[in-house]
PDB file of all heavy atoms in Angstrom:
ATOM      1  N   PRO A   1      -3.493 -11.656   5.800  1.00  0.00           N
ATOM      2  CA  PRO A   1      -2.400 -12.291   6.538  1.00  0.00           C
ATOM      3  C   PRO A   1      -1.233 -12.589   5.630  1.00  0.00           C
ATOM      4  O   PRO A   1      -1.409 -12.929   4.456  1.00  0.00           O
ATOM      5  CB  PRO A   1      -3.024 -13.601   7.065  1.00  0.00           C
ATOM      6  CG  PRO A   1      -4.199 -13.838   6.168  1.00  0.00           C
ATOM      7  CD  PRO A   1      -4.714 -12.492   5.764  1.00  0.00           C
ATOM      8  N   ASP A   2      -0.018 -12.458   6.144  1.00  0.00           N
ATOM      9  CA  ASP A   2       1.179 -12.688   5.371  1.00  0.00           C
ATOM     10  C   ASP A   2       1.482 -14.176   5.280  1.00  0.00           C
ATOM     11  O   ASP A   2       2.026 -14.748   6.192  1.00  0.00           O
ATOM     12  CB  ASP A   2       2.353 -11.907   5.992  1.00  0.00           C
ATOM     13  CG  ASP A   2       3.620 -11.954   5.131  1.00  0.00           C
ATOM     14  OD1 ASP A   2       3.508 -12.469   3.985  1.00  0.00           O
ATOM     15  OD2 ASP A   2       4.679 -11.553   5.618  1.00  0.00           O
ATOM     16  N   THR A   3       1.108 -14.766   4.156  1.00  0.00           N
ATOM     17  CA  THR A   3       1.388 -16.182   3.914  1.00  0.00           C
ATOM     18  C   THR A   3       2.659 -16.407   3.170  1.00  0.00           C
ATOM     19  O   THR A   3       3.084 -17.571   2.983  1.00  0.00           O
ATOM     20  CB  THR A   3       0.220 -16.816   3.172  1.00  0.00           C
ATOM     21  OG1 THR A   3       0.027 -16.157   1.902  1.00  0.00           O
ATOM     22  CG2 THR A   3      -1.091 -16.716   3.973  1.00  0.00           C
ATOM     23  N   GLY A   4       3.292 -15.341   2.650  1.00  0.00           N
ATOM     24  CA  GLY A   4       4.562 -15.494   1.948  1.00  0.00           C
ATOM     25  C   GLY A   4       4.408 -15.839   0.492  1.00  0.00           C
ATOM     26  O   GLY A   4       5.437 -15.930  -0.207  1.00  0.00           O
ATOM     27  N   ASP A   5       3.197 -16.045  -0.026  1.00  0.00           N
ATOM     28  CA  ASP A   5       3.035 -16.409  -1.417  1.00  0.00           C
ATOM     29  C   ASP A   5       2.912 -15.143  -2.310  1.00  0.00           C
ATOM     30  O   ASP A   5       2.961 -14.010  -1.803  1.00  0.00           O
ATOM     31  CB  ASP A   5       1.873 -17.314  -1.661  1.00  0.00           C
ATOM     32  CG  ASP A   5       0.521 -16.699  -1.159  1.00  0.00           C
ATOM     33  OD1 ASP A   5       0.534 -15.490  -0.880  1.00  0.00           O
ATOM     34  OD2 ASP A   5      -0.456 -17.439  -1.063  1.00  0.00           O
ATOM     35  N   GLU A   6       2.792 -15.366  -3.602  1.00  0.00           N
ATOM     36  CA  GLU A   6       2.746 -14.217  -4.535  1.00  0.00           C
ATOM     37  C   GLU A   6       1.527 -13.307  -4.280  1.00  0.00           C
ATOM     38  O   GLU A   6       1.665 -12.063  -4.376  1.00  0.00           O
ATOM     39  CB  GLU A   6       2.721 -14.733  -6.010  1.00  0.00           C
ATOM     40  CG  GLU A   6       3.970 -15.419  -6.481  1.00  0.00           C
ATOM     41  CD  GLU A   6       4.102 -16.876  -6.020  1.00  0.00           C
ATOM     42  OE1 GLU A   6       3.181 -17.335  -5.311  1.00  0.00           O
ATOM     43  OE2 GLU A   6       5.094 -17.498  -6.376  1.00  0.00           O
ATOM     44  N   VAL A   7       0.389 -13.909  -4.029  1.00  0.00           N
ATOM     45  CA  VAL A   7      -0.823 -13.110  -3.824  1.00  0.00           C
ATOM     46  C   VAL A   7      -0.681 -12.272  -2.527  1.00  0.00           C
ATOM     47  O   VAL A   7      -1.081 -11.115  -2.496  1.00  0.00           O
ATOM     48  CB  VAL A   7      -2.059 -13.993  -3.726  1.00  0.00           C
ATOM     49  CG1 VAL A   7      -3.285 -13.203  -3.390  1.00  0.00           C
ATOM     50  CG2 VAL A   7      -2.284 -14.747  -5.035  1.00  0.00           C
ATOM     51  N   SER A   8      -0.067 -12.854  -1.491  1.00  0.00           N
ATOM     52  CA  SER A   8       0.153 -12.114  -0.237  1.00  0.00           C
ATOM     53  C   SER A   8       1.063 -10.956  -0.475  1.00  0.00           C
ATOM     54  O   SER A   8       0.872  -9.859  -0.011  1.00  0.00           O
ATOM     55  CB  SER A   8       0.728 -13.039   0.803  1.00  0.00           C
ATOM     56  OG  SER A   8       1.081 -12.323   1.974  1.00  0.00           O
ATOM     57  N   ARG A   9       2.124 -11.179  -1.287  1.00  0.00           N
ATOM     58  CA  ARG A   9       3.067 -10.083  -1.602  1.00  0.00           C
ATOM     59  C   ARG A   9       2.367  -9.035  -2.431  1.00  0.00           C
ATOM     60  O   ARG A   9       2.600  -7.806  -2.256  1.00  0.00           O
ATOM     61  CB  ARG A   9       4.312 -10.618  -2.358  1.00  0.00           C
ATOM     62  CG  ARG A   9       5.185 -11.501  -1.477  1.00  0.00           C
ATOM     63  CD  ARG A   9       6.567 -11.632  -2.086  1.00  0.00           C
ATOM     64  NE  ARG A   9       6.519 -12.316  -3.374  1.00  0.00           N
ATOM     65  CZ  ARG A   9       6.622 -13.638  -3.493  1.00  0.00           C
ATOM     66  NH1 ARG A   9       6.778 -14.435  -2.425  1.00  0.00           N
ATOM     67  NH2 ARG A   9       6.601 -14.191  -4.700  1.00  0.00           N
ATOM     68  N   LEU A  10       1.495  -9.455  -3.360  1.00  0.00           N
ATOM     69  CA  LEU A  10       0.701  -8.485  -4.136  1.00  0.00           C
ATOM     70  C   LEU A  10      -0.186  -7.612  -3.250  1.00  0.00           C
ATOM     71  O   LEU A  10      -0.258  -6.368  -3.407  1.00  0.00           O
ATOM     72  CB  LEU A  10      -0.114  -9.225  -5.172  1.00  0.00           C
ATOM     73  CG  LEU A  10      -1.088  -8.323  -6.016  1.00  0.00           C
ATOM     74  CD1 LEU A  10      -0.309  -7.300  -6.806  1.00  0.00           C
ATOM     75  CD2 LEU A  10      -1.936  -9.200  -6.928  1.00  0.00           C
ATOM     76  N   ALA A  11      -0.868  -8.298  -2.299  1.00  0.00           N
ATOM     77  CA  ALA A  11      -1.748  -7.565  -1.367  1.00  0.00           C
ATOM     78  C   ALA A  11      -0.934  -6.604  -0.523  1.00  0.00           C
ATOM     79  O   ALA A  11      -1.364  -5.438  -0.304  1.00  0.00           O
ATOM     80  CB  ALA A  11      -2.525  -8.535  -0.485  1.00  0.00           C
ATOM     81  N   THR A  12       0.234  -7.069  -0.068  1.00  0.00           N
ATOM     82  CA  THR A  12       1.065  -6.157   0.771  1.00  0.00           C
ATOM     83  C   THR A  12       1.528  -4.954  -0.060  1.00  0.00           C
ATOM     84  O   THR A  12       1.544  -3.805   0.435  1.00  0.00           O
ATOM     85  CB  THR A  12       2.304  -6.922   1.284  1.00  0.00           C
ATOM     86  OG1 THR A  12       1.865  -8.062   2.073  1.00  0.00           O
ATOM     87  CG2 THR A  12       3.183  -6.026   2.134  1.00  0.00           C
ATOM     88  N   THR A  13       1.944  -5.183  -1.319  1.00  0.00           N
ATOM     89  CA  THR A  13       2.390  -4.114  -2.185  1.00  0.00           C
ATOM     90  C   THR A  13       1.219  -3.156  -2.440  1.00  0.00           C
ATOM     91  O   THR A  13       1.408  -1.958  -2.504  1.00  0.00           O
ATOM     92  CB  THR A  13       2.919  -4.719  -3.516  1.00  0.00           C
ATOM     93  OG1 THR A  13       3.950  -5.612  -3.242  1.00  0.00           O
ATOM     94  CG2 THR A  13       3.408  -3.598  -4.408  1.00  0.00           C
ATOM     95  N   PHE A  14       0.011  -3.725  -2.624  1.00  0.00           N
ATOM     96  CA  PHE A  14      -1.173  -2.897  -2.869  1.00  0.00           C
ATOM     97  C   PHE A  14      -1.404  -1.999  -1.671  1.00  0.00           C
ATOM     98  O   PHE A  14      -1.722  -0.776  -1.816  1.00  0.00           O
ATOM     99  CB  PHE A  14      -2.366  -3.826  -3.117  1.00  0.00           C
ATOM    100  CG  PHE A  14      -3.602  -3.075  -3.577  1.00  0.00           C
ATOM    101  CD1 PHE A  14      -3.768  -2.651  -4.889  1.00  0.00           C
ATOM    102  CD2 PHE A  14      -4.614  -2.802  -2.672  1.00  0.00           C
ATOM    103  CE1 PHE A  14      -4.891  -1.962  -5.301  1.00  0.00           C
ATOM    104  CE2 PHE A  14      -5.753  -2.150  -3.069  1.00  0.00           C
ATOM    105  CZ  PHE A  14      -5.896  -1.730  -4.378  1.00  0.00           C
ATOM    106  N   ASP A  15      -1.324  -2.554  -0.435  1.00  0.00           N
ATOM    107  CA  ASP A  15      -1.528  -1.746   0.775  1.00  0.00           C
ATOM    108  C   ASP A  15      -0.475  -0.649   0.849  1.00  0.00           C
ATOM    109  O   ASP A  15      -0.750   0.483   1.251  1.00  0.00           O
ATOM    110  CB  ASP A  15      -1.516  -2.617   1.999  1.00  0.00           C
ATOM    111  CG  ASP A  15      -2.784  -3.414   2.182  1.00  0.00           C
ATOM    112  OD1 ASP A  15      -3.772  -3.055   1.566  1.00  0.00           O
ATOM    113  OD2 ASP A  15      -2.793  -4.398   2.978  1.00  0.00           O
ATOM    114  N   GLU A  16       0.803  -1.024   0.581  1.00  0.00           N
ATOM    115  CA  GLU A  16       1.880  -0.050   0.627  1.00  0.00           C
ATOM    116  C   GLU A  16       1.599   1.076  -0.404  1.00  0.00           C
ATOM    117  O   GLU A  16       1.884   2.246  -0.119  1.00  0.00           O
ATOM    118  CB  GLU A  16       3.212  -0.730   0.332  1.00  0.00           C
ATOM    119  CG  GLU A  16       3.632  -1.642   1.491  1.00  0.00           C
ATOM    120  CD  GLU A  16       4.900  -2.434   1.142  1.00  0.00           C
ATOM    121  OE1 GLU A  16       5.323  -2.353  -0.011  1.00  0.00           O
ATOM    122  OE2 GLU A  16       5.451  -3.136   2.073  1.00  0.00           O
ATOM    123  N   MET A  17       1.150   0.678  -1.562  1.00  0.00           N
ATOM    124  CA  MET A  17       0.841   1.683  -2.608  1.00  0.00           C
ATOM    125  C   MET A  17      -0.269   2.673  -2.119  1.00  0.00           C
ATOM    126  O   MET A  17      -0.188   3.866  -2.297  1.00  0.00           O
ATOM    127  CB  MET A  17       0.399   1.005  -3.892  1.00  0.00           C
ATOM    128  CG  MET A  17       0.039   1.970  -5.037  1.00  0.00           C
ATOM    129  SD  MET A  17      -0.798   1.152  -6.392  1.00  0.00           S
ATOM    130  CE  MET A  17      -2.329   0.754  -5.645  1.00  0.00           C
ATOM    131  N   LEU A  18      -1.272   2.075  -1.477  1.00  0.00           N
ATOM    132  CA  LEU A  18      -2.379   2.910  -0.972  1.00  0.00           C
ATOM    133  C   LEU A  18      -1.859   3.853   0.121  1.00  0.00           C
ATOM    134  O   LEU A  18      -2.294   5.041   0.174  1.00  0.00           O
ATOM    135  CB  LEU A  18      -3.502   2.019  -0.405  1.00  0.00           C
ATOM    136  CG  LEU A  18      -4.329   1.249  -1.430  1.00  0.00           C
ATOM    137  CD1 LEU A  18      -5.325   0.377  -0.708  1.00  0.00           C
ATOM    138  CD2 LEU A  18      -5.023   2.149  -2.402  1.00  0.00           C
ATOM    139  N   THR A  19      -0.965   3.309   0.917  1.00  0.00           N
ATOM    140  CA  THR A  19      -0.384   4.188   1.983  1.00  0.00           C
ATOM    141  C   THR A  19       0.379   5.361   1.378  1.00  0.00           C
ATOM    142  O   THR A  19       0.298   6.496   1.842  1.00  0.00           O
ATOM    143  CB  THR A  19       0.527   3.358   2.893  1.00  0.00           C
ATOM    144  OG1 THR A  19      -0.219   2.278   3.499  1.00  0.00           O
ATOM    145  CG2 THR A  19       1.141   4.220   3.956  1.00  0.00           C
ATOM    146  N   ARG A  20       1.164   5.046   0.325  1.00  0.00           N
ATOM    147  CA  ARG A  20       1.932   6.115  -0.340  1.00  0.00           C
ATOM    148  C   ARG A  20       0.986   7.129  -0.981  1.00  0.00           C
ATOM    149  O   ARG A  20       1.212   8.319  -0.947  1.00  0.00           O
ATOM    150  CB  ARG A  20       2.909   5.543  -1.385  1.00  0.00           C
ATOM    151  CG  ARG A  20       4.062   4.730  -0.771  1.00  0.00           C
ATOM    152  CD  ARG A  20       5.132   4.478  -1.779  1.00  0.00           C
ATOM    153  NE  ARG A  20       4.628   3.709  -2.901  1.00  0.00           N
ATOM    154  CZ  ARG A  20       4.642   2.380  -2.963  1.00  0.00           C
ATOM    155  NH1 ARG A  20       5.132   1.680  -1.944  1.00  0.00           N
ATOM    156  NH2 ARG A  20       4.193   1.752  -4.030  1.00  0.00           N
ATOM    157  N   LEU A  21      -0.049   6.591  -1.660  1.00  0.00           N
ATOM    158  CA  LEU A  21      -0.984   7.500  -2.315  1.00  0.00           C
ATOM    159  C   LEU A  21      -1.734   8.382  -1.283  1.00  0.00           C
ATOM    160  O   LEU A  21      -1.894   9.568  -1.499  1.00  0.00           O
ATOM    161  CB  LEU A  21      -2.028   6.688  -3.137  1.00  0.00           C
ATOM    162  CG  LEU A  21      -1.514   6.036  -4.420  1.00  0.00           C
ATOM    163  CD1 LEU A  21      -2.567   5.164  -5.016  1.00  0.00           C
ATOM    164  CD2 LEU A  21      -1.047   7.099  -5.417  1.00  0.00           C
ATOM    165  N   ASP A  22      -2.130   7.713  -0.214  1.00  0.00           N
ATOM    166  CA  ASP A  22      -2.802   8.453   0.869  1.00  0.00           C
ATOM    167  C   ASP A  22      -1.925   9.559   1.438  1.00  0.00           C
ATOM    168  O   ASP A  22      -2.359  10.720   1.622  1.00  0.00           O
ATOM    169  CB  ASP A  22      -3.270   7.491   1.952  1.00  0.00           C
ATOM    170  CG  ASP A  22      -4.240   8.111   2.939  1.00  0.00           C
ATOM    171  OD1 ASP A  22      -4.797   9.199   2.611  1.00  0.00           O
ATOM    172  OD2 ASP A  22      -4.451   7.564   4.006  1.00  0.00           O
ATOM    173  N   SER A  23      -0.655   9.182   1.669  1.00  0.00           N
ATOM    174  CA  SER A  23       0.274  10.195   2.227  1.00  0.00           C
ATOM    175  C   SER A  23       0.500  11.288   1.199  1.00  0.00           C
ATOM    176  O   SER A  23       0.551  12.466   1.564  1.00  0.00           O
ATOM    177  CB  SER A  23       1.629   9.490   2.525  1.00  0.00           C
ATOM    178  OG  SER A  23       2.557  10.412   3.007  1.00  0.00           O
ATOM    179  N   GLY A  24       0.619  10.942  -0.086  1.00  0.00           N
ATOM    180  CA  GLY A  24       0.816  11.937  -1.103  1.00  0.00           C
ATOM    181  C   GLY A  24      -0.353  12.880  -1.241  1.00  0.00           C
ATOM    182  O   GLY A  24      -0.144  14.114  -1.340  1.00  0.00           O
ATOM    183  N   PHE A  25      -1.568  12.321  -1.208  1.00  0.00           N
ATOM    184  CA  PHE A  25      -2.766  13.179  -1.356  1.00  0.00           C
ATOM    185  C   PHE A  25      -2.855  14.091  -0.102  1.00  0.00           C
ATOM    186  O   PHE A  25      -3.278  15.247  -0.231  1.00  0.00           O
ATOM    187  CB  PHE A  25      -3.995  12.331  -1.491  1.00  0.00           C
ATOM    188  CG  PHE A  25      -4.339  12.001  -2.889  1.00  0.00           C
ATOM    189  CD1 PHE A  25      -3.973  10.764  -3.426  1.00  0.00           C
ATOM    190  CD2 PHE A  25      -4.924  12.932  -3.739  1.00  0.00           C
ATOM    191  CE1 PHE A  25      -4.261  10.464  -4.739  1.00  0.00           C
ATOM    192  CE2 PHE A  25      -5.230  12.598  -5.068  1.00  0.00           C
ATOM    193  CZ  PHE A  25      -4.859  11.352  -5.578  1.00  0.00           C
ATOM    194  N   GLN A  26      -2.532  13.528   1.057  1.00  0.00           N
ATOM    195  CA  GLN A  26      -2.599  14.359   2.243  1.00  0.00           C
ATOM    196  C   GLN A  26      -1.618  15.504   2.190  1.00  0.00           C
ATOM    197  O   GLN A  26      -1.916  16.645   2.584  1.00  0.00           O
ATOM    198  CB  GLN A  26      -2.363  13.484   3.511  1.00  0.00           C
ATOM    199  CG  GLN A  26      -3.507  12.553   3.841  1.00  0.00           C
ATOM    200  CD  GLN A  26      -3.212  11.720   5.063  1.00  0.00           C
ATOM    201  OE1 GLN A  26      -2.172  11.871   5.690  1.00  0.00           O
ATOM    202  NE2 GLN A  26      -4.139  10.828   5.428  1.00  0.00           N
ATOM    203  N   ARG A  27      -0.407  15.208   1.695  1.00  0.00           N
ATOM    204  CA  ARG A  27       0.586  16.230   1.547  1.00  0.00           C
ATOM    205  C   ARG A  27       0.132  17.320   0.546  1.00  0.00           C
ATOM    206  O   ARG A  27       0.289  18.516   0.775  1.00  0.00           O
ATOM    207  CB  ARG A  27       1.937  15.674   1.091  1.00  0.00           C
ATOM    208  CG  ARG A  27       2.677  14.911   2.176  1.00  0.00           C
ATOM    209  CD  ARG A  27       4.116  14.741   1.797  1.00  0.00           C
ATOM    210  NE  ARG A  27       4.278  14.078   0.492  1.00  0.00           N
ATOM    211  CZ  ARG A  27       4.372  12.771   0.344  1.00  0.00           C
ATOM    212  NH1 ARG A  27       4.304  11.967   1.412  1.00  0.00           N
ATOM    213  NH2 ARG A  27       4.524  12.227  -0.839  1.00  0.00           N
ATOM    214  N   GLU A  28      -0.485  16.829  -0.563  1.00  0.00           N
ATOM    215  CA  GLU A  28      -0.994  17.801  -1.509  1.00  0.00           C
ATOM    216  C   GLU A  28      -2.117  18.673  -0.962  1.00  0.00           C
ATOM    217  O   GLU A  28      -2.172  19.887  -1.203  1.00  0.00           O
ATOM    218  CB  GLU A  28      -1.486  17.096  -2.773  1.00  0.00           C
ATOM    219  CG  GLU A  28      -0.341  16.430  -3.581  1.00  0.00           C
ATOM    220  CD  GLU A  28       0.731  17.424  -3.979  1.00  0.00           C
ATOM    221  OE1 GLU A  28       0.392  18.559  -4.383  1.00  0.00           O
ATOM    222  OE2 GLU A  28       1.926  17.075  -3.848  1.00  0.00           O
ATOM    223  N   ARG A  29      -3.019  18.029  -0.195  1.00  0.00           N
ATOM    224  CA  ARG A  29      -4.083  18.804   0.391  1.00  0.00           C
ATOM    225  C   ARG A  29      -3.532  19.850   1.419  1.00  0.00           C
ATOM    226  O   ARG A  29      -3.992  20.975   1.474  1.00  0.00           O
ATOM    227  CB  ARG A  29      -5.057  17.873   1.088  1.00  0.00           C
ATOM    228  CG  ARG A  29      -5.854  16.951   0.160  1.00  0.00           C
ATOM    229  CD  ARG A  29      -6.988  16.249   0.917  1.00  0.00           C
ATOM    230  NE  ARG A  29      -7.628  15.216   0.148  1.00  0.00           N
ATOM    231  CZ  ARG A  29      -7.377  13.916   0.269  1.00  0.00           C
ATOM    232  NH1 ARG A  29      -6.508  13.515   1.175  1.00  0.00           N
ATOM    233  NH2 ARG A  29      -7.959  13.022  -0.493  1.00  0.00           N
ATOM    234  N   GLN A  30      -2.550  19.346   2.177  1.00  0.00           N
ATOM    235  CA  GLN A  30      -1.952  20.249   3.169  1.00  0.00           C
ATOM    236  C   GLN A  30      -1.212  21.384   2.499  1.00  0.00           C
ATOM    237  O   GLN A  30      -1.287  22.549   2.882  1.00  0.00           O
ATOM    238  CB  GLN A  30      -0.991  19.458   4.061  1.00  0.00           C
ATOM    239  CG  GLN A  30      -0.398  20.271   5.213  1.00  0.00           C
ATOM    240  CD  GLN A  30      -1.451  20.748   6.194  1.00  0.00           C
ATOM    241  OE1 GLN A  30      -2.383  19.978   6.486  1.00  0.00           O
ATOM    242  NE2 GLN A  30      -1.355  21.974   6.670  1.00  0.00           N
TER     243      GLN A  30
END
């Protein structure tokens, strides 16, 4: 959940990074 604190922002950034990595790997596989 987005609580607005530093850990929440870190978790959000981590999820965004995973999304970018997932998208990048999918593009490479494709």
